[in-house]
Amino acid sequence: MSFLLADFLRGKKMIQCKDCELCETGPDDRRTFKCDPFTNIKEPECIAKWQLIRLDMLASSYREMLKWQEKLAPLQDKIFKYMQHEIEDIDESERWKIDDEDNKDGEEKNVQE
């Protein structure tokens, strides 16, 4: 970082992305960056900018995922309630088997005594 400060103090200015040949601006003012931090970075600051762009993209993707999750949450709750109800119905329908087995075991113990 000290060489960046030295360049700044000498009056050397950092290349702005809009002035770089690796940046293209589309008709809708959307920028497309052709720079790759592993092959063709012009200045050390470009790596920091590239990281900020990627971090912004990651945060944006996360926000979109949260929006979808909020939309799906009511449906997910309904599915969980339905499945819980179905499981309880199955348990209730099979309870007679458990009750019969307990009764048989109790009768066998009474007979053996």
Protein backbone atom coordinates (compact mmCIF):
# COMPACT_ATOMS: atom_id res chain seq x y z
CA MET A 1 0.00 0.00 0.00
CA SER A 2 2.91 2.36 0.57
CA PHE A 3 3.72 2.48 -3.17
CA LEU A 4 0.14 3.60 -3.84
CA LEU A 5 0.52 6.50 -1.44
CA ALA A 6 3.87 7.41 -3.01
CA ASP A 7 2.30 7.42 -6.49
CA PHE A 8 -0.54 9.59 -5.21
CA LEU A 9 1.86 12.06 -3.61
CA ARG A 10 3.86 12.28 -6.87
CA GLY A 11 0.66 13.19 -8.68
CA LYS A 12 0.14 9.91 -10.52
CA LYS A 13 -3.57 9.24 -10.69
CA MET A 14 -5.20 5.89 -10.75
CA ILE A 15 -6.88 4.85 -13.99
CA GLN A 16 -10.65 5.04 -13.63
CA CYS A 17 -12.58 2.02 -14.82
CA LYS A 18 -14.53 4.12 -17.32
CA ASP A 19 -11.21 5.14 -18.95
CA CYS A 20 -9.72 1.62 -19.04
CA GLU A 21 -9.74 -0.39 -22.28
CA LEU A 22 -10.89 -3.44 -20.31
CA CYS A 23 -14.19 -1.75 -19.41
CA GLU A 24 -17.01 -1.48 -21.91
CA THR A 25 -20.14 0.60 -21.41
CA GLY A 26 -23.31 -0.63 -23.06
CA PRO A 27 -26.16 1.47 -24.48
CA ASP A 28 -28.03 1.22 -21.17
CA ASP A 29 -24.96 2.57 -19.27
CA ARG A 30 -24.25 -0.87 -17.93
CA ARG A 31 -20.55 -1.59 -17.57
CA THR A 32 -18.95 -4.85 -18.61
CA PHE A 33 -15.52 -5.57 -17.17
CA LYS A 34 -13.13 -7.68 -19.22
CA CYS A 35 -10.44 -7.61 -16.56
CA ASP A 36 -9.36 -10.81 -14.85
CA PRO A 37 -7.40 -10.54 -11.59
CA PHE A 38 -5.23 -13.49 -12.61
CA THR A 39 -4.16 -12.31 -16.05
CA ASN A 40 -4.72 -8.70 -17.07
CA ILE A 41 -5.06 -6.27 -14.17
CA LYS A 42 -3.77 -2.78 -14.96
CA GLU A 43 -3.21 -1.47 -11.42
CA PRO A 44 -3.21 -2.91 -7.88
CA GLU A 45 -6.37 -0.93 -7.10
CA CYS A 46 -8.15 -2.88 -9.82
CA ILE A 47 -8.03 -5.99 -7.64
CA ALA A 48 -9.75 -4.15 -4.78
CA LYS A 49 -12.38 -2.81 -7.18
CA TRP A 50 -12.87 -6.25 -8.67
CA GLN A 51 -13.36 -7.70 -5.18
CA LEU A 52 -15.93 -5.01 -4.37
CA ILE A 53 -17.82 -5.76 -7.58
CA ARG A 54 -17.87 -9.48 -6.80
CA LEU A 55 -18.91 -8.83 -3.21
CA ASP A 56 -21.75 -6.64 -4.44
CA MET A 57 -22.86 -9.38 -6.83
CA LEU A 58 -22.78 -11.92 -3.99
CA ALA A 59 -24.82 -9.65 -1.72
CA SER A 60 -27.32 -9.03 -4.52
CA SER A 61 -27.72 -12.76 -5.13
CA TYR A 62 -28.24 -13.32 -1.42
CA ARG A 63 -30.96 -10.63 -1.30
CA GLU A 64 -32.74 -12.26 -4.25
CA MET A 65 -32.55 -15.64 -2.53
CA LEU A 66 -34.09 -14.14 0.61
CA LYS A 67 -36.93 -12.66 -1.45
CA TRP A 68 -37.70 -16.09 -2.92
CA GLN A 69 -37.51 -17.66 0.50
CA GLU A 70 -40.01 -15.10 1.84
CA LYS A 71 -42.36 -15.94 -1.03
CA LEU A 72 -42.05 -19.67 -0.41
CA ALA A 73 -42.30 -19.50 3.40
CA PRO A 74 -46.14 -19.64 3.57
CA LEU A 75 -46.23 -22.61 1.20
CA GLN A 76 -43.51 -24.34 3.19
CA ASP A 77 -45.48 -23.83 6.41
CA LYS A 78 -48.58 -25.35 4.78
CA ILE A 79 -46.58 -28.35 3.61
CA PHE A 80 -45.11 -28.88 7.09
CA LYS A 81 -48.56 -28.70 8.70
CA TYR A 82 -49.99 -31.11 6.14
CA MET A 83 -47.15 -33.57 6.65
CA GLN A 84 -47.49 -33.32 10.43
CA HIS A 85 -51.22 -34.02 10.13
CA GLU A 86 -50.57 -37.02 7.86
CA ILE A 87 -47.97 -38.43 10.25
CA GLU A 88 -50.35 -38.04 13.18
CA ASP A 89 -53.09 -39.81 11.18
CA ILE A 90 -50.75 -42.69 10.40
CA ASP A 91 -49.75 -42.95 14.07
CA GLU A 92 -53.41 -42.92 15.09
CA SER A 93 -54.30 -45.60 12.54
CA GLU A 94 -51.51 -47.88 13.77
CA ARG A 95 -52.20 -47.31 17.46
CA TRP A 96 -54.59 -50.28 17.55
CA LYS A 97 -51.68 -52.59 16.75
CA ILE A 98 -49.72 -51.35 19.72
CA ASP A 99 -52.77 -51.52 22.01
CA ASP A 100 -53.48 -55.15 20.94
CA GLU A 101 -49.87 -56.18 21.55
CA ASP A 102 -49.94 -54.62 25.02
CA ASN A 103 -53.20 -56.42 25.81
CA LYS A 104 -51.81 -59.78 24.62
CA ASP A 105 -48.67 -59.34 26.71
CA GLY A 106 -50.78 -58.46 29.75
CA GLU A 107 -53.06 -61.48 29.24
CA GLU A 108 -50.09 -63.83 28.82
CA LYS A 109 -48.57 -62.59 32.08
CA ASN A 110 -51.90 -63.10 33.89
CA VAL A 111 -52.23 -66.63 32.52
CA GLN A 112 -48.68 -67.60 33.46
CA GLU A 113 -49.05 -66.34 37.02
